[in-house]
C-alpha atoms as a PDB file:
ATOM      1  CA  MET A   1     180.704  69.724  54.194  1.00  0.00           C
ATOM      2  CA  GLU A   2     177.003  70.748  54.449  1.00  0.00           C
ATOM      3  CA  LYS A   3     176.581  73.293  57.248  1.00  0.00           C
ATOM      4  CA  SER A   4     174.322  72.829  60.080  1.00  0.00           C
ATOM      5  CA  ILE A   5     174.374  76.007  61.811  1.00  0.00           C
ATOM      6  CA  ILE A   6     175.517  79.578  60.117  1.00  0.00           C
ATOM      7  CA  VAL A   7     176.610  82.451  62.380  1.00  0.00           C
ATOM      8  CA  LYS A   8     177.218  85.812  60.646  1.00  0.00           C
ATOM      9  CA  ASN A   9     177.613  88.952  62.465  1.00  0.00           C
ATOM     10  CA  VAL A  10     175.221  88.428  64.748  1.00  0.00           C
ATOM     11  CA  THR A  11     174.663  91.575  67.672  1.00  0.00           C
ATOM     12  CA  LYS A  12     172.247  91.255  70.265  1.00  0.00           C
ATOM     13  CA  LYS A  13     170.695  94.649  71.510  1.00  0.00           C
ATOM     14  CA  TYR A  14     168.763  95.089  74.754  1.00  0.00           C
ATOM     15  CA  VAL A  15     168.119  98.351  76.291  1.00  0.00           C
ATOM     16  CA  LEU A  16     168.229  98.646  79.911  1.00  0.00           C
ATOM     17  CA  PHE A  17     165.525 101.459  82.210  1.00  0.00           C
ATOM     18  CA  ASN A  18     166.351 102.450  86.037  1.00  0.00           C
ATOM     19  CA  SER A  19     162.094 102.482  85.738  1.00  0.00           C
ATOM     20  CA  THR A  20     158.983 101.520  85.068  1.00  0.00           C
ATOM     21  CA  LYS A  21     158.543 105.349  83.811  1.00  0.00           C
ATOM     22  CA  HIS A  22     161.838 105.797  82.164  1.00  0.00           C
ATOM     23  CA  ARG A  23     160.848 102.503  79.643  1.00  0.00           C
ATOM     24  CA  LEU A  24     157.063 104.436  79.392  1.00  0.00           C
ATOM     25  CA  LEU A  25     158.785 108.034  78.640  1.00  0.00           C
ATOM     26  CA  ASP A  26     161.364 106.543  76.207  1.00  0.00           C
ATOM     27  CA  LEU A  27     158.738 105.006  74.021  1.00  0.00           C
ATOM     28  CA  LEU A  28     156.748 108.382  74.561  1.00  0.00           C
ATOM     29  CA  THR A  29     159.512 111.420  73.525  1.00  0.00           C
ATOM     30  CA  PRO A  30     162.094 111.769  71.434  1.00  0.00           C
ATOM     31  CA  LYS A  31     164.715 111.706  74.545  1.00  0.00           C
ATOM     32  CA  LYS A  32     166.315 108.345  75.088  1.00  0.00           C
ATOM     33  CA  TYR A  33     166.108 106.715  79.217  1.00  0.00           C
ATOM     34  CA  GLY A  34     167.488 102.903  78.310  1.00  0.00           C
ATOM     35  CA  GLU A  35     170.921 102.507  78.191  1.00  0.00           C
ATOM     36  CA  ASP A  36     172.401 100.359  75.717  1.00  0.00           C
ATOM     37  CA  PHE A  37     173.454  96.589  76.627  1.00  0.00           C
ATOM     38  CA  TYR A  38     175.115  94.432  74.421  1.00  0.00           C
ATOM     39  CA  ALA A  39     174.412  90.849  74.691  1.00  0.00           C
ATOM     40  CA  LEU A  40     176.361  89.483  71.696  1.00  0.00           C
ATOM     41  CA  ARG A  41     178.186  91.784  69.965  1.00  0.00           C
ATOM     42  CA  ASP A  42     179.371  90.592  65.694  1.00  0.00           C
ATOM     43  CA  ILE A  43     179.277  86.870  66.061  1.00  0.00           C
ATOM     44  CA  SER A  44     180.601  84.471  63.644  1.00  0.00           C
ATOM     45  CA  PHE A  45     180.878  80.878  62.994  1.00  0.00           C
ATOM     46  CA  ASP A  46     179.353  77.710  61.306  1.00  0.00           C
ATOM     47  CA  VAL A  47     178.774  74.417  62.027  1.00  0.00           C
ATOM     48  CA  ASN A  48     179.209  70.970  59.693  1.00  0.00           C
ATOM     49  CA  ARG A  49     176.969  69.058  60.155  1.00  0.00           C
ATOM     50  CA  GLY A  50     176.963  66.121  62.637  1.00  0.00           C
ATOM     51  CA  ASP A  51     179.390  68.082  64.983  1.00  0.00           C
ATOM     52  CA  ILE A  52     179.349  68.458  68.679  1.00  0.00           C
ATOM     53  CA  ILE A  53     180.105  72.328  69.490  1.00  0.00           C
ATOM     54  CA  GLY A  54     180.717  73.221  72.790  1.00  0.00           C
ATOM     55  CA  PHE A  55     180.090  76.535  74.101  1.00  0.00           C
ATOM     56  CA  VAL A  56     182.313  78.047  76.990  1.00  0.00           C
ATOM     57  CA  GLY A  57     182.780  81.390  79.259  1.00  0.00           C
ATOM     58  CA  THR A  58     182.281  82.888  82.313  1.00  0.00           C
ATOM     59  CA  ASN A  59     178.650  84.037  83.473  1.00  0.00           C
ATOM     60  CA  GLY A  60     177.164  86.655  81.609  1.00  0.00           C
ATOM     61  CA  SER A  61     179.730  85.840  78.251  1.00  0.00           C
ATOM     62  CA  GLY A  62     176.468  85.397  76.370  1.00  0.00           C
ATOM     63  CA  LYS A  63     176.350  81.325  75.744  1.00  0.00           C
ATOM     64  CA  SER A  64     172.660  81.251  77.092  1.00  0.00           C
ATOM     65  CA  THR A  65     171.997  84.315  74.920  1.00  0.00           C
ATOM     66  CA  LEU A  66     173.471  82.402  71.442  1.00  0.00           C
ATOM     67  CA  SER A  67     171.707  79.699  72.059  1.00  0.00           C
ATOM     68  CA  ASN A  68     168.089  80.986  72.233  1.00  0.00           C
ATOM     69  CA  ILE A  69     168.665  83.260  69.133  1.00  0.00           C
ATOM     70  CA  ILE A  70     170.266  79.905  67.565  1.00  0.00           C
ATOM     71  CA  GLY A  71     167.172  77.999  69.171  1.00  0.00           C
ATOM     72  CA  GLY A  72     164.745  80.493  67.510  1.00  0.00           C
ATOM     73  CA  ILE A  73     163.973  81.687  71.034  1.00  0.00           C
ATOM     74  CA  VAL A  74     164.798  85.226  70.748  1.00  0.00           C
ATOM     75  CA  PRO A  75     165.649  87.275  67.791  1.00  0.00           C
ATOM     76  CA  GLU A  76     168.763  88.925  66.919  1.00  0.00           C
ATOM     77  CA  THR A  77     169.217  92.583  66.487  1.00  0.00           C
ATOM     78  CA  SER A  78     171.537  92.798  63.352  1.00  0.00           C
ATOM     79  CA  GLY A  79     173.494  89.904  61.582  1.00  0.00           C
ATOM     80  CA  HIS A  80     171.842  86.645  60.010  1.00  0.00           C
ATOM     81  CA  VAL A  81     171.156  82.769  61.407  1.00  0.00           C
ATOM     82  CA  GLU A  82     170.700  80.086  59.090  1.00  0.00           C
ATOM     83  CA  VAL A  83     169.974  76.865  60.434  1.00  0.00           C
ATOM     84  CA  ASN A  84     169.025  73.822  58.484  1.00  0.00           C
ATOM     85  CA  GLY A  85     166.747  71.058  59.832  1.00  0.00           C
ATOM     86  CA  SER A  86     164.832  70.829  63.235  1.00  0.00           C
ATOM     87  CA  VAL A  87     165.971  72.627  65.899  1.00  0.00           C
ATOM     88  CA  ALA A  88     165.189  71.635  70.305  1.00  0.00           C
ATOM     89  CA  LEU A  89     166.357  73.850  72.717  1.00  0.00           C
ATOM     90  CA  ILE A  90     166.928  71.731  76.322  1.00  0.00           C
ATOM     91  CA  ALA A  91     167.114  73.999  79.085  1.00  0.00           C
ATOM     92  CA  VAL A  92     165.794  74.324  82.516  1.00  0.00           C
ATOM     93  CA  ALA A  93     162.457  74.853  81.955  1.00  0.00           C
ATOM     94  CA  SER A  94     162.439  76.047  78.621  1.00  0.00           C
ATOM     95  CA  GLY A  95     158.895  76.638  76.991  1.00  0.00           C
ATOM     96  CA  LEU A  96     157.263  75.067  79.566  1.00  0.00           C
ATOM     97  CA  LYS A  97     154.057  76.309  81.441  1.00  0.00           C
ATOM     98  CA  GLY A  98     153.641  77.015  84.663  1.00  0.00           C
ATOM     99  CA  ASP A  99     149.818  76.585  85.039  1.00  0.00           C
ATOM    100  CA  LEU A 100     149.700  73.708  83.006  1.00  0.00           C
ATOM    101  CA  THR A 101     150.447  69.798  84.082  1.00  0.00           C
ATOM    102  CA  GLY A 102     153.462  68.021  82.962  1.00  0.00           C
ATOM    103  CA  ARG A 103     151.126  66.016  80.106  1.00  0.00           C
ATOM    104  CA  GLU A 104     149.638  69.043  79.074  1.00  0.00           C
ATOM    105  CA  ASN A 105     152.991  70.744  78.197  1.00  0.00           C
ATOM    106  CA  ILE A 106     153.693  67.425  76.339  1.00  0.00           C
ATOM    107  CA  GLU A 107     150.979  68.454  74.545  1.00  0.00           C
ATOM    108  CA  LEU A 108     151.273  72.330  74.049  1.00  0.00           C
ATOM    109  CA  LYS A 109     154.925  71.837  73.007  1.00  0.00           C
ATOM    110  CA  CYS A 110     154.383  68.840  70.492  1.00  0.00           C
ATOM    111  CA  LEU A 111     151.340  70.362  69.114  1.00  0.00           C
ATOM    112  CA  MET A 112     153.697  73.647  68.982  1.00  0.00           C
ATOM    113  CA  LEU A 113     156.308  71.768  66.883  1.00  0.00           C
ATOM    114  CA  GLY A 114     153.701  70.776  64.331  1.00  0.00           C
ATOM    115  CA  PHE A 115     152.558  66.997  65.713  1.00  0.00           C
ATOM    116  CA  THR A 116     149.065  65.713  65.475  1.00  0.00           C
ATOM    117  CA  LYS A 117     147.378  64.954  68.447  1.00  0.00           C
ATOM    118  CA  LYS A 118     147.686  61.215  67.149  1.00  0.00           C
ATOM    119  CA  GLN A 119     151.385  61.415  66.977  1.00  0.00           C
ATOM    120  CA  ILE A 120     151.711  63.125  70.463  1.00  0.00           C
ATOM    121  CA  LYS A 121     149.716  59.947  71.553  1.00  0.00           C
ATOM    122  CA  ALA A 122     151.736  57.819  70.780  1.00  0.00           C
ATOM    123  CA  MET A 123     154.858  59.639  71.904  1.00  0.00           C
ATOM    124  CA  GLU A 124     153.471  60.452  75.235  1.00  0.00           C
ATOM    125  CA  ASN A 125     154.215  56.951  76.917  1.00  0.00           C
ATOM    126  CA  ASP A 126     157.815  56.804  75.534  1.00  0.00           C
ATOM    127  CA  ILE A 127     157.939  60.633  76.649  1.00  0.00           C
ATOM    128  CA  ILE A 128     156.970  60.080  80.200  1.00  0.00           C
ATOM    129  CA  ASP A 129     159.076  56.654  80.954  1.00  0.00           C
ATOM    130  CA  PHE A 130     162.576  58.242  79.595  1.00  0.00           C
ATOM    131  CA  SER A 131     161.633  62.044  82.377  1.00  0.00           C
ATOM    132  CA  GLU A 132     160.772  59.268  85.051  1.00  0.00           C
ATOM    133  CA  LEU A 133     158.727  61.829  86.576  1.00  0.00           C
ATOM    134  CA  GLY A 134     155.801  58.960  87.187  1.00  0.00           C
ATOM    135  CA  ARG A 135     152.752  60.666  89.148  1.00  0.00           C
ATOM    136  CA  PHE A 136     153.963  63.718  89.098  1.00  0.00           C
ATOM    137  CA  ILE A 137     153.202  64.189  85.353  1.00  0.00           C
ATOM    138  CA  ASP A 138     149.930  65.351  86.468  1.00  0.00           C
ATOM    139  CA  GLN A 139     150.848  67.778  88.306  1.00  0.00           C
ATOM    140  CA  PRO A 140     151.273  71.525  87.308  1.00  0.00           C
ATOM    141  CA  VAL A 141     154.603  72.332  85.906  1.00  0.00           C
ATOM    142  CA  LYS A 142     154.949  75.088  88.596  1.00  0.00           C
ATOM    143  CA  SER A 143     155.107  72.987  91.621  1.00  0.00           C
ATOM    144  CA  TYR A 144     158.119  71.076  90.212  1.00  0.00           C
ATOM    145  CA  SER A 145     162.091  71.559  91.285  1.00  0.00           C
ATOM    146  CA  SER A 146     164.117  72.904  88.456  1.00  0.00           C
ATOM    147  CA  GLY A 147     165.178  69.217  87.951  1.00  0.00           C
ATOM    148  CA  MET A 148     162.020  67.791  87.273  1.00  0.00           C
ATOM    149  CA  LYS A 149     161.222  70.728  84.583  1.00  0.00           C
ATOM    150  CA  SER A 150     164.804  69.623  83.315  1.00  0.00           C
ATOM    151  CA  ARG A 151     163.613  66.070  82.684  1.00  0.00           C
ATOM    152  CA  LEU A 152     160.897  66.945  81.427  1.00  0.00           C
ATOM    153  CA  GLY A 153     162.362  69.066  78.889  1.00  0.00           C
ATOM    154  CA  PHE A 154     164.441  67.092  77.838  1.00  0.00           C
ATOM    155  CA  ALA A 155     162.337  63.858  77.317  1.00  0.00           C
ATOM    156  CA  ILE A 156     160.077  65.744  75.309  1.00  0.00           C
ATOM    157  CA  SER A 157     163.051  67.239  73.002  1.00  0.00           C
ATOM    158  CA  VAL A 158     164.890  63.680  72.556  1.00  0.00           C
ATOM    159  CA  THR A 159     162.099  61.853  71.620  1.00  0.00           C
ATOM    160  CA  ILE A 160     160.953  64.188  69.183  1.00  0.00           C
ATOM    161  CA  ASP A 161     164.460  63.710  67.468  1.00  0.00           C
ATOM    162  CA  PRO A 162     165.281  67.241  66.210  1.00  0.00           C
ATOM    163  CA  ASP A 163     167.954  67.488  63.411  1.00  0.00           C
ATOM    164  CA  ILE A 164     170.098  70.131  65.869  1.00  0.00           C
ATOM    165  CA  MET A 165     170.156  69.730  69.893  1.00  0.00           C
ATOM    166  CA  ILE A 166     171.175  72.529  71.811  1.00  0.00           C
ATOM    167  CA  ILE A 167     172.000  71.562  75.589  1.00  0.00           C
ATOM    168  CA  ASP A 168     172.192  74.957  77.806  1.00  0.00           C
ATOM    169  CA  GLU A 169     172.711  73.614  81.225  1.00  0.00           C
ATOM    170  CA  ALA A 170     169.973  71.176  81.190  1.00  0.00           C
ATOM    171  CA  LEU A 171     172.204  68.861  82.776  1.00  0.00           C
ATOM    172  CA  SER A 172     173.769  70.723  85.550  1.00  0.00           C
ATOM    173  CA  VAL A 173     170.222  70.159  87.558  1.00  0.00           C
ATOM    174  CA  GLY A 174     168.950  67.062  88.886  1.00  0.00           C
ATOM    175  CA  ASP A 175     170.407  63.806  89.957  1.00  0.00           C
ATOM    176  CA  ALA A 176     173.745  61.962  88.617  1.00  0.00           C
ATOM    177  CA  ALA A 177     171.765  58.773  87.199  1.00  0.00           C
ATOM    178  CA  PHE A 178     169.561  60.668  85.240  1.00  0.00           C
ATOM    179  CA  ALA A 179     171.897  63.031  83.883  1.00  0.00           C
ATOM    180  CA  GLN A 180     174.404  59.653  82.951  1.00  0.00           C
ATOM    181  CA  LYS A 181     170.963  58.295  80.980  1.00  0.00           C
ATOM    182  CA  SER A 182     170.491  61.532  79.228  1.00  0.00           C
ATOM    183  CA  PHE A 183     174.644  61.588  77.854  1.00  0.00           C
ATOM    184  CA  GLU A 184     174.026  57.957  76.933  1.00  0.00           C
ATOM    185  CA  LYS A 185     170.992  59.325  74.782  1.00  0.00           C
ATOM    186  CA  MET A 186     172.995  61.858  73.316  1.00  0.00           C
ATOM    187  CA  LYS A 187     175.781  59.186  72.570  1.00  0.00           C
ATOM    188  CA  GLU A 188     173.488  57.738  70.580  1.00  0.00           C
ATOM    189  CA  PHE A 189     172.633  60.590  69.052  1.00  0.00           C
ATOM    190  CA  LYS A 190     176.498  61.273  67.726  1.00  0.00           C
ATOM    191  CA  LEU A 191     176.377  57.751  66.413  1.00  0.00           C
ATOM    192  CA  GLN A 192     173.220  59.121  64.151  1.00  0.00           C
ATOM    193  CA  GLY A 193     175.219  62.103  62.809  1.00  0.00           C
ATOM    194  CA  LYS A 194     173.116  64.948  64.630  1.00  0.00           C
ATOM    195  CA  THR A 195     174.409  68.080  65.446  1.00  0.00           C
ATOM    196  CA  MET A 196     175.192  69.159  69.134  1.00  0.00           C
ATOM    197  CA  ILE A 197     175.351  72.511  70.882  1.00  0.00           C
ATOM    198  CA  PHE A 198     176.423  71.717  74.551  1.00  0.00           C
ATOM    199  CA  VAL A 199     176.423  74.487  77.378  1.00  0.00           C
ATOM    200  CA  SER A 200     178.273  73.600  80.219  1.00  0.00           C
ATOM    201  CA  HIS A 201     180.600  75.216  82.923  1.00  0.00           C
ATOM    202  CA  SER A 202     181.594  71.603  83.400  1.00  0.00           C
ATOM    203  CA  MET A 203     185.114  71.300  81.517  1.00  0.00           C
ATOM    204  CA  GLY A 204     185.187  67.340  81.861  1.00  0.00           C
ATOM    205  CA  GLN A 205     182.066  67.410  80.220  1.00  0.00           C
ATOM    206  CA  ILE A 206     182.748  69.362  77.220  1.00  0.00           C
ATOM    207  CA  LYS A 207     186.215  67.673  76.984  1.00  0.00           C
ATOM    208  CA  ASP A 208     184.482  64.041  76.894  1.00  0.00           C
ATOM    209  CA  PHE A 209     181.700  64.788  74.427  1.00  0.00           C
ATOM    210  CA  CYS A 210     182.875  68.039  72.233  1.00  0.00           C
ATOM    211  CA  GLU A 211     184.899  67.907  69.137  1.00  0.00           C
ATOM    212  CA  LYS A 212     184.720  72.099  68.860  1.00  0.00           C
ATOM    213  CA  VAL A 213     184.528  74.545  71.482  1.00  0.00           C
ATOM    214  CA  LEU A 214     183.570  78.200  71.231  1.00  0.00           C
ATOM    215  CA  TRP A 215     184.920  80.816  73.798  1.00  0.00           C
ATOM    216  CA  LEU A 216     182.442  83.484  74.422  1.00  0.00           C
ATOM    217  CA  GLU A 217     183.619  86.587  76.380  1.00  0.00           C
ATOM    218  CA  TYR A 218     181.582  89.453  77.437  1.00  0.00           C
ATOM    219  CA  GLY A 219     179.817  88.770  73.898  1.00  0.00           C
ATOM    220  CA  THR A 220     182.420  88.322  72.075  1.00  0.00           C
ATOM    221  CA  VAL A 221     184.205  85.478  69.986  1.00  0.00           C
ATOM    222  CA  ARG A 222     187.275  84.902  71.642  1.00  0.00           C
ATOM    223  CA  GLU A 223     188.421  81.636  70.144  1.00  0.00           C
ATOM    224  CA  TYR A 224     186.653  78.521  68.425  1.00  0.00           C
ATOM    225  CA  GLY A 225     188.469  75.558  67.426  1.00  0.00           C
ATOM    226  CA  PRO A 226     189.477  72.073  68.940  1.00  0.00           C
ATOM    227  CA  THR A 227     188.323  71.224  72.114  1.00  0.00           C
ATOM    228  CA  ASP A 228     191.360  70.018  73.364  1.00  0.00           C
ATOM    229  CA  GLU A 229     193.394  73.384  72.069  1.00  0.00           C
ATOM    230  CA  VAL A 230     190.639  76.133  72.779  1.00  0.00           C
ATOM    231  CA  LEU A 231     189.952  74.102  76.475  1.00  0.00           C
ATOM    232  CA  ALA A 232     193.742  74.473  77.310  1.00  0.00           C
ATOM    233  CA  HIS A 233     193.520  78.395  76.302  1.00  0.00           C
ATOM    234  CA  TYR A 234     190.439  78.961  78.343  1.00  0.00           C
ATOM    235  CA  GLN A 235     191.192  76.793  81.587  1.00  0.00           C
ATOM    236  CA  SER A 236     194.445  78.932  81.310  1.00  0.00           C
ATOM    237  CA  PHE A 237     192.522  82.252  81.402  1.00  0.00           C
ATOM    238  CA  MET A 238     190.221  80.821  83.894  1.00  0.00           C
ATOM    239  CA  ASP A 239     193.452  79.918  86.618  1.00  0.00           C
ATOM    240  CA  GLU A 240     194.218  83.687  86.190  1.00  0.00           C
ATOM    241  CA  PHE A 241     190.805  85.237  85.759  1.00  0.00           C
ATOM    242  CA  LYS A 242     190.005  84.084  89.086  1.00  0.00           C
ATOM    243  CA  LYS A 243     192.660  84.970  91.074  1.00  0.00           C
ATOM    244  CA  MET A 244     192.134  88.881  89.525  1.00  0.00           C
ATOM    245  CA  SER A 245     190.583  91.451  91.829  1.00  0.00           C
ATOM    246  CA  LYS A 246     187.382  93.012  90.866  1.00  0.00           C
ATOM    247  CA  HIS A 247     189.117  96.098  89.471  1.00  0.00           C
ATOM    248  CA  GLU A 248     191.487  94.161  87.384  1.00  0.00           C
ATOM    249  CA  LYS A 249     188.319  91.936  85.932  1.00  0.00           C
ATOM    250  CA  GLN A 250     186.942  95.822  85.214  1.00  0.00           C
ATOM    251  CA  MET A 251     190.175  96.150  83.391  1.00  0.00           C
ATOM    252  CA  HIS A 252     190.358  92.655  81.665  1.00  0.00           C
ATOM    253  CA  LYS A 253     186.430  93.332  80.092  1.00  0.00           C
ATOM    254  CA  ASP A 254     186.707  97.293  79.302  1.00  0.00           C
ATOM    255  CA  LYS A 255     189.946  96.147  77.046  1.00  0.00           C
ATOM    256  CA  ILE A 256     187.682  93.414  75.492  1.00  0.00           C
ATOM    257  CA  LEU A 257     185.030  95.316  75.185  1.00  0.00           C
ATOM    258  CA  LYS A 258     187.346  98.215  73.693  1.00  0.00           C
ATOM    259  CA  ALA A 259     187.332  97.254  69.749  1.00  0.00           C
ATOM    260  CA  TYR A 260     183.374  97.077  69.647  1.00  0.00           C
ATOM    261  CA  GLN A 261     183.148 100.279  71.250  1.00  0.00           C
ATOM    262  CA  GLY A 262     181.525 101.711  67.315  1.00  0.00           C
ATOM    263  CA  ILE A 263     178.687  99.129  67.406  1.00  0.00           C
END
């Protein structure tokens, strides 16, 4: 089958500093002042065209980092990502400029995606109608609630009709009615054979919508496979994880990362 996304041996490393002074000294002197933090470690998986993939994992597992790398927002430190088709990353406030109005953000984001002003004008009313922002469309985005930002980002992304959609917790904010409308739109895209990645803490949403699940744990791939199979294992893990003490959770983390100490 034709591959829509290929992720091979992807690692993302950040350097953490205790102060601005240490950051400057790290740049100016040979001594290392920062501490390496690996958000992702040696991630590999591929997605067939038309697949609907759910990303699950505890907070800090690397779901959003991986979404941003696939969406072209941040670069990987090492490894390779191949994306075949246009991509829209839908996350709260993703790509929105706070000082600009909602309408101005529509134009800016669409211009950055290669649309002409004439094309943007033709799409504008559809975007505004879907977002349900009404008169707030001409207010600065910095005055929007997280739910309003999510509405605008989702409305822009579904209207430009991308080949690949990445939805990162964008439906976890705002009202239930808009979330339901958004799911109906996503179902339309699913019927059209579009590729989608869905990041959510809602196991119900993942189970109802996704065909496969990628389970990330502390920046590593714990499991990748059919939704029912992986979610059953993940839910069993979470039931045990919630019972762990802080010390037990740290021991579990150390055990997971031990195999990657050489990265």
